[in-house]
Amino acid sequence: MAKRRKRKKKQERSKNRGSESSAADSLAASSSTRRDFTALFFSLLSSAMLWLAMPGPGRGIYSLAWIAMVPTVWLIQSPILPHKLLRQVWIANLVFWLVMLHFVRLPIWLLWFGWFALAAYLSVYGPLFVSISRTLVHRFRVPTVVAVPLVFTGLEWVRVNFLSGFGIGCLSHTQYRNPTSMQIAEFFGAYGITFAIMFVAAAVSVASSFACRRLSASPTVPTRFAHVAIAVVALAGVFVFGSQRLAKDAQLRKSAEAHKHLKVALIQTSMDTILKPKTAEEVHQEFLTRGELTHSARLIAKDLDLIVWPESSFPYGLVLSDLDANYTAELFAEQQMLAWESATGYPNLFNDAVPLLVGSRTSDPQADVDYNSALLFDDRGKVSVAYHKNHLVMFGEYFPVVRWIPYLKDFLKGFSSWTAGTESVRMQIGDVAIAPSICFESTVPHFVRQQINSLESANEQVDAMVNVTNDGWFFGTSCLDLHLACNVLRAVEMRKPMLVSANTGFSAHIDEFGRLVEVGPRRQEATLICDVRVPLPTTTLYRSWGAWFAFALGWLTVVAGLAGRFLPLKD
């Protein structure tokens, strides 16, 4: 009889163990069998608030980001496992990413499939966040205010680094219009801002969980007050440090300490990019438009040090080897010189030429490769430095398997046929040195850090960063805002000014504290005259050590997920 009872108990334990939909929820107190959409409702509520907090036309309510994830954290706290929790969380995240990244489908109809595939992939991180966080909270008894920011930040690091990485739409980007809350990025990068936001959200969630008794057991009054205090202290720490950092800069600006300056004209065109061949007349007309904007900039400011054009704006690129016996690289260079003279107004408009930084194609016919490049023309019309884009966009600028399938390479030539450069480049403008990047390279934080550090480790000090981009593929949508947010965070992380010249917007002058000194309009032509104050050489913890904090959280998250999946439960 005793053996029968013992066997029966063992079978019940086995049954309870198998009833969990995920190892992350294995120690939930009970499982709800009633069909409902509680998890979907709370996940959609978080998604809606987060969407309103994200950069975009008519949005960007950055204060909302600090509480946006509270409803999702309620799901993590719940001792009751909601019906089909992870499936409902994934659906809500899919809706969020489809809306957030709707611009991905615009350049060409084939990208409708890529849009859905990318959104479906990014949506996986939502269920992973909930599942692994529940593992830590319910199985390993980790406090919610520790588990939630740890897992969320760790998964964000994985997303930004996995394969070629996807660094657009991070939680930290919600703060790009609020310089005070961004200053902690000098310690931990943008990941530090993400951690702080989720820490506050977790504390608010615990303090307010009594508001959702259907999911969470009501905490005691002292517990609620303690978590309110935690949230207040965390917020105060972020904003007090940011205020002090900005106040210190204000004092330095008033001092007599000398700084280098660079006067730059950022040319913003407004030409939607459509994937179809352009006629010679269209190319020439676009070139004339850029030339007119450049001439107007020179009339406004006659003491310019540099003129910057957007990505892919200069139709006469650089040729690295002879094309053929009748059309050599030397002849091509002569045409290039004439184009430069027309663009800068030299020698007809002014007697003093100005260096010109442009985005252009660079070709090497002998090696059969093409680069997406940034070319610096010196004041004599010669290409003095060429930077070839290092970090290409997968499926936009290259296909991973093309090199092994010649037929596919021929089929895609002209669409995704770029070759990646391999070197970082410094461009010298008078006594100021700049480091260029192209397009979405500035969305990848570890790439920009590696670029700056590789130059300065070779004793090539960098004073400012310049990003040339063509966002005309996205027709003035929220992609412009998201890209600008990335550029703002890179300036804070590196403590260097960032200049952006963008087709259709947003061209911008961003100082080393992430403040938007000047910003161009959306989908309109503009000329920004920027007096760039170059700060004294400095470094940051993030510059020196990288995303060590997020790296550690990422691997802790992976280990926690594996532990929840494979470690046996205790009887």
Protein backbone atom coordinates (compact mmCIF):
# COMPACT_ATOMS: atom_id res chain seq x y z
CA MET A 1 0.00 0.00 0.00
CA ALA A 2 2.81 2.38 0.91
CA LYS A 3 4.62 1.56 -2.32
CA ARG A 4 1.46 2.29 -4.28
CA ARG A 5 1.07 5.71 -2.63
CA LYS A 6 4.75 6.47 -3.27
CA ARG A 7 4.41 5.47 -6.92
CA LYS A 8 1.27 7.59 -7.26
CA LYS A 9 3.03 10.67 -5.83
CA LYS A 10 5.93 10.15 -8.20
CA GLN A 11 3.55 9.99 -11.16
CA GLU A 12 1.84 13.21 -10.01
CA ARG A 13 5.19 15.02 -9.78
CA SER A 14 6.07 13.84 -13.27
CA LYS A 15 2.71 14.98 -14.57
CA ASN A 16 3.08 18.43 -13.00
CA ARG A 17 6.58 18.76 -14.43
CA GLY A 18 5.42 17.97 -17.95
CA SER A 19 2.46 20.32 -17.79
CA GLU A 20 4.70 23.40 -18.02
CA SER A 21 4.82 24.91 -21.49
CA SER A 22 8.37 26.07 -20.87
CA ALA A 23 11.16 25.23 -18.48
CA ALA A 24 11.24 28.92 -17.64
CA ASP A 25 7.76 28.59 -16.06
CA SER A 26 8.40 25.26 -14.38
CA LEU A 27 7.98 26.53 -10.84
CA ALA A 28 4.83 28.59 -11.43
CA ALA A 29 2.37 27.89 -8.66
CA SER A 30 -0.41 26.67 -10.93
CA SER A 31 -1.39 26.65 -14.56
CA SER A 32 -4.51 28.30 -15.84
CA THR A 33 -6.62 26.08 -18.07
CA ARG A 34 -9.26 28.66 -18.84
CA ARG A 35 -8.94 30.03 -22.33
CA ASP A 36 -8.28 33.78 -22.17
CA PHE A 37 -6.13 36.48 -23.72
CA THR A 38 -4.73 38.08 -20.61
CA ALA A 39 -1.12 37.74 -21.75
CA LEU A 40 -1.96 39.14 -25.18
CA PHE A 41 -3.71 42.14 -23.65
CA PHE A 42 -0.85 43.06 -21.34
CA SER A 43 1.79 42.44 -24.01
CA LEU A 44 -0.10 44.63 -26.48
CA LEU A 45 -0.42 47.33 -23.82
CA SER A 46 3.36 47.33 -23.34
CA SER A 47 3.91 47.32 -27.10
CA ALA A 48 1.59 50.30 -27.59
CA MET A 49 3.31 52.38 -24.91
CA LEU A 50 6.75 51.42 -26.21
CA TRP A 51 5.75 52.37 -29.76
CA LEU A 52 4.62 55.80 -28.52
CA ALA A 53 7.96 56.23 -26.74
CA MET A 54 10.05 55.26 -29.77
CA PRO A 55 11.37 57.89 -32.24
CA GLY A 56 8.96 58.66 -35.03
CA PRO A 57 6.67 61.34 -36.49
CA GLY A 58 4.23 62.50 -33.81
CA ARG A 59 5.74 60.14 -31.22
CA GLY A 60 8.89 60.12 -29.11
CA ILE A 61 7.24 60.44 -25.67
CA TYR A 62 10.50 59.45 -23.98
CA SER A 63 9.11 59.59 -20.42
CA LEU A 64 6.65 56.82 -21.30
CA ALA A 65 9.54 54.41 -21.92
CA TRP A 66 10.25 54.18 -18.18
CA ILE A 67 6.90 52.45 -17.51
CA ALA A 68 6.11 50.94 -20.92
CA MET A 69 7.21 47.43 -19.97
CA VAL A 70 5.36 47.34 -16.62
CA PRO A 71 2.40 45.27 -17.93
CA THR A 72 4.80 42.70 -19.38
CA VAL A 73 6.66 42.50 -16.08
CA TRP A 74 3.33 41.71 -14.40
CA LEU A 75 3.23 38.58 -16.57
CA ILE A 76 6.70 37.67 -15.32
CA GLN A 77 5.71 38.17 -11.68
CA SER A 78 2.54 36.14 -11.96
CA PRO A 79 2.66 32.86 -10.00
CA ILE A 80 -0.15 31.67 -12.27
CA LEU A 81 0.88 30.68 -15.78
CA PRO A 82 -1.45 32.54 -18.17
CA HIS A 83 -3.00 30.57 -21.01
CA LYS A 84 -0.50 30.09 -23.89
CA LEU A 85 1.68 32.83 -22.42
CA LEU A 86 4.64 32.71 -24.79
CA ARG A 87 2.53 32.42 -27.93
CA GLN A 88 0.50 35.49 -26.98
CA VAL A 89 3.65 37.46 -26.11
CA TRP A 90 5.14 36.57 -29.49
CA ILE A 91 2.01 37.73 -31.32
CA ALA A 92 2.04 41.07 -29.51
CA ASN A 93 5.73 41.53 -30.28
CA LEU A 94 5.10 40.64 -33.92
CA VAL A 95 2.51 43.40 -34.16
CA PHE A 96 4.97 45.84 -32.56
CA TRP A 97 7.84 45.05 -34.93
CA LEU A 98 5.65 44.99 -38.05
CA VAL A 99 4.47 48.51 -37.20
CA MET A 100 7.90 49.71 -36.07
CA LEU A 101 9.71 48.47 -39.18
CA HIS A 102 7.03 49.06 -41.80
CA PHE A 103 9.57 51.11 -43.79
CA VAL A 104 11.63 47.99 -44.55
CA ARG A 105 9.13 46.96 -47.24
CA LEU A 106 9.29 50.27 -49.13
CA PRO A 107 12.42 50.06 -51.34
CA ILE A 108 11.28 47.04 -53.41
CA TRP A 109 8.36 44.61 -53.37
CA LEU A 110 10.64 41.65 -52.56
CA LEU A 111 11.32 43.23 -49.18
CA TRP A 112 7.74 42.62 -48.09
CA PHE A 113 8.91 39.08 -47.35
CA GLY A 114 12.04 40.38 -45.64
CA TRP A 115 9.92 42.78 -43.58
CA PHE A 116 7.79 39.97 -42.18
CA ALA A 117 10.77 37.64 -41.70
CA LEU A 118 12.73 40.32 -39.80
CA ALA A 119 9.73 41.18 -37.61
CA ALA A 120 9.09 37.48 -36.90
CA TYR A 121 12.73 37.00 -35.89
CA LEU A 122 12.83 40.07 -33.62
CA SER A 123 9.54 38.99 -32.02
CA VAL A 124 11.23 35.89 -30.65
CA TYR A 125 13.12 38.04 -28.15
CA GLY A 126 9.85 38.95 -26.38
CA PRO A 127 8.91 35.37 -25.35
CA LEU A 128 12.56 34.69 -24.52
CA PHE A 129 12.57 37.71 -22.21
CA VAL A 130 9.42 36.58 -20.40
CA SER A 131 10.43 32.92 -20.25
CA ILE A 132 13.98 33.42 -18.96
CA SER A 133 12.89 36.12 -16.53
CA ARG A 134 10.24 33.78 -15.10
CA THR A 135 12.90 31.11 -14.72
CA LEU A 136 15.04 33.46 -12.63
CA VAL A 137 12.15 34.88 -10.59
CA HIS A 138 10.15 31.73 -9.84
CA ARG A 139 12.69 28.96 -10.01
CA PHE A 140 15.91 30.56 -8.80
CA ARG A 141 14.21 33.18 -6.60
CA VAL A 142 16.05 36.12 -8.14
CA PRO A 143 14.36 39.45 -7.26
CA THR A 144 12.29 40.90 -10.08
CA VAL A 145 14.25 44.19 -10.05
CA VAL A 146 17.41 42.18 -10.77
CA ALA A 147 16.12 39.50 -13.16
CA VAL A 148 14.09 41.76 -15.47
CA PRO A 149 16.77 44.37 -16.42
CA LEU A 150 19.43 41.64 -16.54
CA VAL A 151 17.56 39.52 -19.08
CA PHE A 152 16.19 42.38 -21.18
CA THR A 153 19.58 44.08 -21.52
CA GLY A 154 21.33 40.76 -22.14
CA LEU A 155 18.94 39.88 -24.95
CA GLU A 156 19.33 43.34 -26.48
CA TRP A 157 23.09 42.77 -26.56
CA VAL A 158 22.52 39.41 -28.28
CA ARG A 159 20.24 41.05 -30.87
CA VAL A 160 22.75 43.80 -31.67
CA ASN A 161 25.63 41.32 -32.04
CA PHE A 162 24.09 38.11 -33.43
CA LEU A 163 25.06 37.48 -37.09
CA SER A 164 25.57 40.97 -38.53
CA GLY A 165 23.53 42.51 -35.71
CA PHE A 166 20.40 44.67 -35.72
CA GLY A 167 20.88 47.86 -33.70
CA ILE A 168 17.75 49.82 -34.67
CA GLY A 169 14.84 50.21 -32.25
CA CYS A 170 16.71 49.63 -28.98
CA LEU A 171 15.04 50.74 -25.76
CA SER A 172 17.75 53.34 -25.16
CA HIS A 173 16.81 55.11 -28.40
CA THR A 174 13.64 56.40 -26.74
CA GLN A 175 15.81 58.87 -24.81
CA TYR A 176 17.64 60.49 -27.73
CA ARG A 177 15.76 63.78 -27.29
CA ASN A 178 16.56 63.87 -23.56
CA PRO A 179 20.31 64.51 -23.12
CA THR A 180 20.14 64.32 -19.31
CA SER A 181 19.13 60.65 -19.26
CA MET A 182 21.71 59.64 -21.88
CA GLN A 183 24.93 60.60 -20.11
CA ILE A 184 25.37 57.22 -18.37
CA ALA A 185 26.13 55.82 -21.83
CA GLU A 186 29.74 56.90 -21.32
CA PHE A 187 30.06 54.06 -18.78
CA PHE A 188 28.06 51.20 -20.31
CA GLY A 189 27.13 52.37 -23.78
CA ALA A 190 23.49 52.55 -24.83
CA TYR A 191 22.96 49.26 -22.96
CA GLY A 192 23.36 51.11 -19.66
CA ILE A 193 20.36 53.29 -20.50
CA THR A 194 18.33 50.19 -21.39
CA PHE A 195 19.25 48.59 -18.05
CA ALA A 196 18.26 51.71 -16.09
CA ILE A 197 14.88 51.95 -17.85
CA MET A 198 14.08 48.28 -17.21
CA PHE A 199 15.27 48.52 -13.59
CA VAL A 200 12.81 51.36 -12.97
CA ALA A 201 10.03 49.51 -14.84
CA ALA A 202 10.60 46.39 -12.74
CA ALA A 203 10.47 48.38 -9.50
CA VAL A 204 7.28 50.15 -10.58
CA SER A 205 5.79 46.80 -11.57
CA VAL A 206 6.36 45.28 -8.14
CA ALA A 207 5.07 48.42 -6.41
CA SER A 208 1.92 48.48 -8.56
CA SER A 209 1.21 44.76 -8.90
CA PHE A 210 -1.74 45.10 -6.51
CA ALA A 211 -3.46 46.86 -9.43
CA CYS A 212 -3.53 43.55 -11.29
CA ARG A 213 -4.53 41.02 -8.66
CA ARG A 214 -5.70 38.63 -11.34
CA LEU A 215 -2.08 37.89 -12.14
CA SER A 216 0.00 38.85 -9.15
CA ALA A 217 -0.21 38.30 -5.45
CA SER A 218 -0.50 41.68 -3.76
CA PRO A 219 2.83 42.56 -2.10
CA THR A 220 2.93 43.90 1.41
CA VAL A 221 2.76 47.64 1.98
CA PRO A 222 6.44 47.85 3.07
CA THR A 223 7.45 45.96 -0.06
CA ARG A 224 5.53 48.37 -2.25
CA PHE A 225 7.06 51.41 -0.56
CA ALA A 226 10.53 49.87 -0.82
CA HIS A 227 10.16 49.41 -4.58
CA VAL A 228 8.79 52.93 -5.00
CA ALA A 229 11.91 54.15 -3.23
CA ILE A 230 14.10 51.98 -5.47
CA ALA A 231 12.51 53.46 -8.59
CA VAL A 232 12.89 57.02 -7.32
CA VAL A 233 16.53 56.52 -6.33
CA ALA A 234 17.38 54.93 -9.71
CA LEU A 235 15.70 57.73 -11.66
CA ALA A 236 17.34 60.36 -9.48
CA GLY A 237 20.76 58.76 -9.97
CA VAL A 238 20.43 58.81 -13.76
CA PHE A 239 19.17 62.37 -13.96
CA VAL A 240 21.44 63.85 -11.28
CA PHE A 241 24.53 62.44 -12.99
CA GLY A 242 23.32 63.68 -16.37
CA SER A 243 22.61 67.15 -15.02
CA GLN A 244 26.02 67.40 -13.38
CA ARG A 245 27.74 66.21 -16.57
CA LEU A 246 25.98 68.85 -18.67
CA ALA A 247 26.60 71.55 -16.06
CA LYS A 248 30.31 70.74 -16.06
CA ASP A 249 30.40 71.15 -19.84
CA ALA A 250 28.66 74.54 -19.53
CA GLN A 251 31.40 75.67 -17.14
CA LEU A 252 34.12 74.51 -19.52
CA ARG A 253 32.56 76.44 -22.37
CA LYS A 254 32.73 79.62 -20.31
CA SER A 255 36.37 79.08 -19.44
CA ALA A 256 39.26 80.41 -21.46
CA GLU A 257 40.37 76.89 -22.37
CA ALA A 258 41.07 76.73 -26.09
CA HIS A 259 39.24 74.32 -28.39
CA LYS A 260 39.60 73.60 -32.07
CA HIS A 261 36.74 74.50 -34.35
CA LEU A 262 35.56 73.22 -37.71
CA LYS A 263 33.06 75.04 -39.90
CA VAL A 264 31.11 72.58 -42.02
CA ALA A 265 28.28 72.81 -44.54
CA LEU A 266 26.03 69.73 -44.45
CA ILE A 267 24.11 69.37 -47.70
CA GLN A 268 20.72 67.68 -47.37
CA THR A 269 18.96 66.74 -50.58
CA SER A 270 15.41 65.43 -50.90
CA MET A 271 15.45 62.78 -53.60
CA ASP A 272 13.42 59.63 -53.00
CA THR A 273 15.40 56.59 -54.03
CA ILE A 274 13.56 54.24 -56.36
CA LEU A 275 15.14 51.02 -57.54
CA LYS A 276 15.12 51.64 -61.28
CA PRO A 277 17.78 52.88 -63.70
CA LYS A 278 18.11 56.66 -63.95
CA THR A 279 18.54 58.44 -67.22
CA ALA A 280 21.66 60.50 -67.82
CA GLU A 281 19.49 63.62 -67.67
CA GLU A 282 18.10 62.65 -64.23
CA VAL A 283 21.59 61.99 -62.87
CA HIS A 284 22.83 65.32 -64.23
CA GLN A 285 19.85 67.22 -62.80
CA GLU A 286 20.36 65.71 -59.34
CA PHE A 287 24.02 66.63 -59.54
CA LEU A 288 23.14 70.22 -60.44
CA THR A 289 20.74 70.40 -57.48
CA ARG A 290 23.51 69.39 -55.08
CA GLY A 291 25.80 71.91 -56.73
CA GLU A 292 23.25 74.70 -56.24
CA LEU A 293 22.87 73.83 -52.55
CA THR A 294 26.64 73.83 -52.24
CA HIS A 295 26.97 77.21 -53.93
CA SER A 296 24.32 78.70 -51.64
CA ALA A 297 26.23 77.35 -48.63
CA ARG A 298 29.39 79.08 -49.83
CA LEU A 299 27.54 82.35 -50.28
CA ILE A 300 26.18 82.10 -46.72
CA ALA A 301 29.49 81.13 -45.11
CA LYS A 302 32.66 82.10 -46.92
CA ASP A 303 34.97 80.63 -44.28
CA LEU A 304 33.94 76.99 -44.63
CA ASP A 305 36.47 74.26 -43.83
CA LEU A 306 34.48 71.37 -45.32
CA ILE A 307 31.40 70.60 -47.41
CA VAL A 308 29.67 67.22 -46.95
CA TRP A 309 27.33 65.51 -49.38
CA PRO A 310 25.18 62.45 -48.58
CA GLU A 311 25.87 58.82 -49.43
CA SER A 312 25.81 57.88 -53.15
CA SER A 313 25.55 61.55 -54.13
CA PHE A 314 28.60 61.92 -56.38
CA PRO A 315 28.02 60.25 -59.77
CA TYR A 316 31.70 60.39 -60.78
CA GLY A 317 33.24 57.87 -58.44
CA LEU A 318 36.77 56.64 -57.98
CA VAL A 319 38.34 54.07 -60.29
CA LEU A 320 41.18 52.02 -58.81
CA SER A 321 42.36 50.39 -62.05
CA ASP A 322 42.15 51.01 -65.80
CA LEU A 323 38.80 50.27 -67.37
CA ASP A 324 40.17 49.58 -70.84
CA ALA A 325 42.77 50.90 -73.28
CA ASN A 326 40.55 53.75 -74.47
CA TYR A 327 39.06 54.77 -71.15
CA THR A 328 41.64 54.83 -68.42
CA ALA A 329 41.49 55.73 -64.78
CA GLU A 330 43.45 58.90 -65.62
CA LEU A 331 40.75 60.07 -68.03
CA PHE A 332 38.12 59.26 -65.47
CA ALA A 333 40.01 61.40 -62.94
CA GLU A 334 39.86 64.36 -65.33
CA GLN A 335 36.09 64.05 -65.55
CA GLN A 336 36.03 63.81 -61.79
CA MET A 337 37.99 67.06 -61.53
CA LEU A 338 35.49 68.88 -63.78
CA ALA A 339 32.61 67.56 -61.68
CA TRP A 340 34.31 68.71 -58.49
CA GLU A 341 34.84 72.19 -59.92
CA SER A 342 31.16 72.37 -60.82
CA ALA A 343 30.08 71.15 -57.39
CA THR A 344 32.23 73.45 -55.31
CA GLY A 345 32.05 76.52 -57.49
CA TYR A 346 35.81 76.56 -58.03
CA PRO A 347 37.30 78.32 -59.95
CA ASN A 348 34.32 80.22 -61.38
CA LEU A 349 32.54 81.30 -58.18
CA PHE A 350 35.42 81.64 -55.72
CA ASN A 351 39.18 81.67 -55.86
CA ASP A 352 39.50 79.69 -52.64
CA ALA A 353 38.40 76.08 -52.95
CA VAL A 354 36.88 74.08 -50.09
CA PRO A 355 37.46 70.36 -49.46
CA LEU A 356 34.44 68.23 -50.32
CA LEU A 357 33.42 64.92 -48.67
CA VAL A 358 31.01 62.91 -50.79
CA GLY A 359 29.41 59.48 -50.91
CA SER A 360 30.21 57.66 -54.13
CA ARG A 361 30.88 54.33 -55.78
CA THR A 362 34.46 53.12 -56.06
CA SER A 363 35.23 50.53 -58.73
CA ASP A 364 38.14 48.21 -59.38
CA PRO A 365 37.41 46.68 -62.80
CA GLN A 366 40.42 44.38 -62.72
CA ALA A 367 39.38 42.82 -59.41
CA ASP A 368 35.68 43.03 -60.39
CA VAL A 369 34.65 44.65 -57.11
CA ASP A 370 32.65 47.75 -56.19
CA TYR A 371 32.76 49.63 -52.92
CA ASN A 372 30.29 51.97 -51.25
CA SER A 373 32.71 54.77 -50.46
CA ALA A 374 33.20 58.18 -48.91
CA LEU A 375 35.71 60.29 -50.87
CA LEU A 376 37.50 63.37 -49.60
CA PHE A 377 38.46 65.83 -52.35
CA ASP A 378 41.16 68.22 -51.20
CA ASP A 379 41.22 71.90 -52.11
CA ARG A 380 42.88 71.05 -55.44
CA GLY A 381 40.15 68.65 -56.57
CA LYS A 382 42.11 65.45 -55.95
CA VAL A 383 40.81 62.49 -53.99
CA SER A 384 43.11 62.56 -50.97
CA VAL A 385 41.43 59.85 -48.87
CA ALA A 386 38.89 57.16 -49.68
CA TYR A 387 36.94 55.18 -47.10
CA HIS A 388 35.19 51.98 -48.20
CA LYS A 389 32.19 50.92 -46.13
CA ASN A 390 33.22 48.11 -43.78
CA HIS A 391 29.91 46.97 -42.28
CA LEU A 392 27.50 46.12 -45.08
CA VAL A 393 23.75 45.58 -44.67
CA MET A 394 22.83 41.93 -45.15
CA PHE A 395 20.36 41.38 -48.03
CA GLY A 396 20.55 45.10 -48.82
CA GLU A 397 24.18 45.46 -49.86
CA TYR A 398 25.26 41.84 -49.96
CA PHE A 399 23.93 38.30 -49.85
CA PRO A 400 25.93 35.90 -47.63
CA VAL A 401 26.05 33.01 -50.15
CA VAL A 402 26.65 34.98 -53.35
CA ARG A 403 30.40 34.38 -53.43
CA TRP A 404 29.82 30.63 -53.78
CA ILE A 405 27.05 30.87 -56.40
CA PRO A 406 28.29 32.71 -59.52
CA TYR A 407 24.86 32.62 -61.17
CA LEU A 408 23.30 34.40 -58.20
CA LYS A 409 26.07 36.99 -58.27
CA ASP A 410 25.30 37.86 -61.89
CA PHE A 411 21.57 37.94 -61.17
CA LEU A 412 21.97 40.36 -58.24
CA LYS A 413 24.69 42.56 -59.76
CA GLY A 414 23.76 46.19 -59.33
CA PHE A 415 21.43 45.50 -56.41
CA SER A 416 23.39 43.73 -53.67
CA SER A 417 26.85 43.47 -55.12
CA TRP A 418 28.99 45.63 -52.84
CA THR A 419 32.29 44.47 -51.40
CA ALA A 420 33.15 45.32 -47.81
CA GLY A 421 36.17 47.48 -47.05
CA THR A 422 38.60 46.33 -44.39
CA GLU A 423 40.20 49.46 -42.94
CA SER A 424 39.19 52.40 -40.79
CA VAL A 425 40.19 55.79 -42.20
CA ARG A 426 40.98 59.19 -40.74
CA MET A 427 40.50 62.34 -42.82
CA GLN A 428 42.46 65.46 -41.94
CA ILE A 429 40.73 68.83 -42.39
CA GLY A 430 43.20 71.51 -41.32
CA ASP A 431 44.05 70.72 -37.70
CA VAL A 432 40.88 68.64 -37.17
CA ALA A 433 40.71 64.89 -37.86
CA ILE A 434 37.40 63.19 -38.68
CA ALA A 435 36.38 59.53 -38.97
CA PRO A 436 33.73 58.80 -41.63
CA SER A 437 31.03 56.14 -41.55
CA ILE A 438 28.42 55.31 -44.15
CA CYS A 439 24.69 54.72 -43.75
CA PHE A 440 23.69 52.13 -41.10
CA GLU A 441 27.24 51.62 -39.85
CA SER A 442 26.38 54.15 -37.16
CA THR A 443 23.55 51.91 -35.90
CA VAL A 444 26.11 49.32 -34.71
CA PRO A 445 27.73 50.56 -31.47
CA HIS A 446 30.59 48.04 -31.33
CA PHE A 447 31.56 48.84 -34.93
CA VAL A 448 31.89 52.58 -34.28
CA ARG A 449 33.88 51.92 -31.08
CA GLN A 450 36.22 49.53 -32.91
CA GLN A 451 36.66 52.07 -35.72
CA ILE A 452 37.68 54.90 -33.40
CA ASN A 453 39.89 52.72 -31.20
CA SER A 454 41.73 51.17 -34.15
CA LEU A 455 42.66 54.64 -35.42
CA GLU A 456 43.71 56.04 -32.06
CA SER A 457 45.70 52.91 -31.18
CA ALA A 458 47.75 53.75 -34.30
CA ASN A 459 48.31 57.28 -32.91
CA GLU A 460 45.74 58.79 -35.26
CA GLN A 461 43.66 60.96 -32.95
CA VAL A 462 40.04 61.48 -34.05
CA ASP A 463 38.31 64.76 -33.17
CA ALA A 464 34.87 64.23 -34.71
CA MET A 465 32.76 61.68 -36.59
CA VAL A 466 30.88 62.12 -39.86
CA ASN A 467 28.10 59.89 -41.18
CA VAL A 468 26.95 60.16 -44.81
CA THR A 469 23.72 58.35 -45.54
CA ASN A 470 21.01 57.96 -48.15
CA ASP A 471 17.73 57.38 -46.32
CA GLY A 472 15.74 58.23 -49.44
CA TRP A 473 14.80 54.54 -49.65
CA PHE A 474 12.33 55.07 -46.80
CA PHE A 475 10.32 58.09 -48.03
CA GLY A 476 10.47 60.20 -44.88
CA THR A 477 9.18 57.51 -42.51
CA SER A 478 10.27 56.79 -38.92
CA CYS A 479 13.47 55.17 -40.20
CA LEU A 480 14.90 58.70 -40.31
CA ASP A 481 14.13 59.24 -36.62
CA LEU A 482 15.53 55.85 -35.60
CA HIS A 483 18.74 56.42 -37.54
CA LEU A 484 19.17 59.86 -35.99
CA ALA A 485 18.73 58.33 -32.52
CA CYS A 486 21.57 55.90 -33.25
CA ASN A 487 23.86 58.76 -34.28
CA VAL A 488 23.03 60.65 -31.09
CA LEU A 489 23.96 57.64 -28.91
CA ARG A 490 27.25 57.12 -30.78
CA ALA A 491 28.24 60.72 -30.01
CA VAL A 492 27.64 60.22 -26.28
CA GLU A 493 29.42 56.85 -26.17
CA MET A 494 32.51 58.21 -27.92
CA ARG A 495 32.32 61.74 -26.45
CA LYS A 496 32.91 63.14 -29.91
CA PRO A 497 30.74 65.40 -32.09
CA MET A 498 28.81 63.63 -34.84
CA LEU A 499 27.91 65.27 -38.17
CA VAL A 500 25.29 63.67 -40.41
CA SER A 501 24.65 64.47 -44.08
CA ALA A 502 21.53 62.64 -45.17
CA ASN A 503 19.44 62.49 -48.30
CA THR A 504 15.79 63.23 -47.30
CA GLY A 505 16.89 63.80 -43.66
CA PHE A 506 17.87 63.97 -40.97
CA SER A 507 21.12 65.85 -41.45
CA ALA A 508 22.36 66.95 -38.06
CA HIS A 509 25.07 68.50 -35.94
CA ILE A 510 25.26 66.56 -32.65
CA ASP A 511 27.67 67.57 -29.91
CA GLU A 512 29.62 65.16 -27.72
CA PHE A 513 26.83 65.11 -25.12
CA GLY A 514 24.19 64.01 -27.60
CA ARG A 515 22.58 67.43 -27.89
CA LEU A 516 21.05 68.20 -31.27
CA VAL A 517 22.66 71.54 -32.12
CA GLU A 518 21.07 71.64 -35.58
CA VAL A 519 18.73 69.24 -37.38
CA GLY A 520 17.52 69.35 -40.97
CA PRO A 521 13.85 68.97 -41.95
CA ARG A 522 12.12 65.77 -42.95
CA ARG A 523 12.11 65.07 -46.69
CA GLN A 524 13.12 68.60 -47.68
CA GLU A 525 16.24 70.21 -49.06
CA ALA A 526 18.40 72.07 -46.57
CA THR A 527 21.87 73.43 -45.98
CA LEU A 528 23.15 73.29 -42.42
CA ILE A 529 26.10 75.55 -41.55
CA CYS A 530 27.70 74.01 -38.47
CA ASP A 531 30.34 75.57 -36.26
CA VAL A 532 31.69 72.41 -34.66
CA ARG A 533 33.42 72.86 -31.33
CA VAL A 534 35.99 70.08 -30.99
CA PRO A 535 36.35 68.97 -27.34
CA LEU A 536 39.66 68.23 -25.73
CA PRO A 537 40.76 64.60 -26.18
CA THR A 538 39.08 62.37 -23.61
CA THR A 539 38.04 58.79 -23.18
CA THR A 540 35.15 56.95 -21.57
CA LEU A 541 34.74 53.67 -19.75
CA TYR A 542 32.78 52.38 -22.74
CA ARG A 543 35.57 53.46 -25.10
CA SER A 544 38.15 51.61 -23.01
CA TRP A 545 36.27 48.45 -22.06
CA GLY A 546 33.44 48.23 -24.55
CA ALA A 547 30.07 46.72 -23.71
CA TRP A 548 31.58 44.55 -20.95
CA PHE A 549 28.48 45.04 -18.82
CA ALA A 550 26.01 44.03 -21.53
CA PHE A 551 28.36 41.22 -22.64
CA ALA A 552 28.26 39.73 -19.13
CA LEU A 553 24.48 40.11 -18.95
CA GLY A 554 24.11 38.50 -22.37
CA TRP A 555 26.00 35.38 -21.34
CA LEU A 556 24.23 35.25 -17.97
CA THR A 557 20.95 35.34 -19.87
CA VAL A 558 22.04 32.51 -22.16
CA VAL A 559 23.16 30.41 -19.17
CA ALA A 560 19.88 31.09 -17.33
CA GLY A 561 17.89 30.04 -20.38
CA LEU A 562 19.87 26.81 -20.76
CA ALA A 563 19.63 26.08 -17.04
CA GLY A 564 15.88 26.49 -17.10
CA ARG A 565 15.65 24.20 -20.10
CA PHE A 566 17.97 21.37 -19.11
CA LEU A 567 18.49 21.32 -15.33
CA PRO A 568 16.12 18.86 -13.61
CA LEU A 569 13.64 20.13 -11.08
CA LYS A 570 14.10 19.31 -7.43
CA ASP A 571 11.43 17.05 -5.95
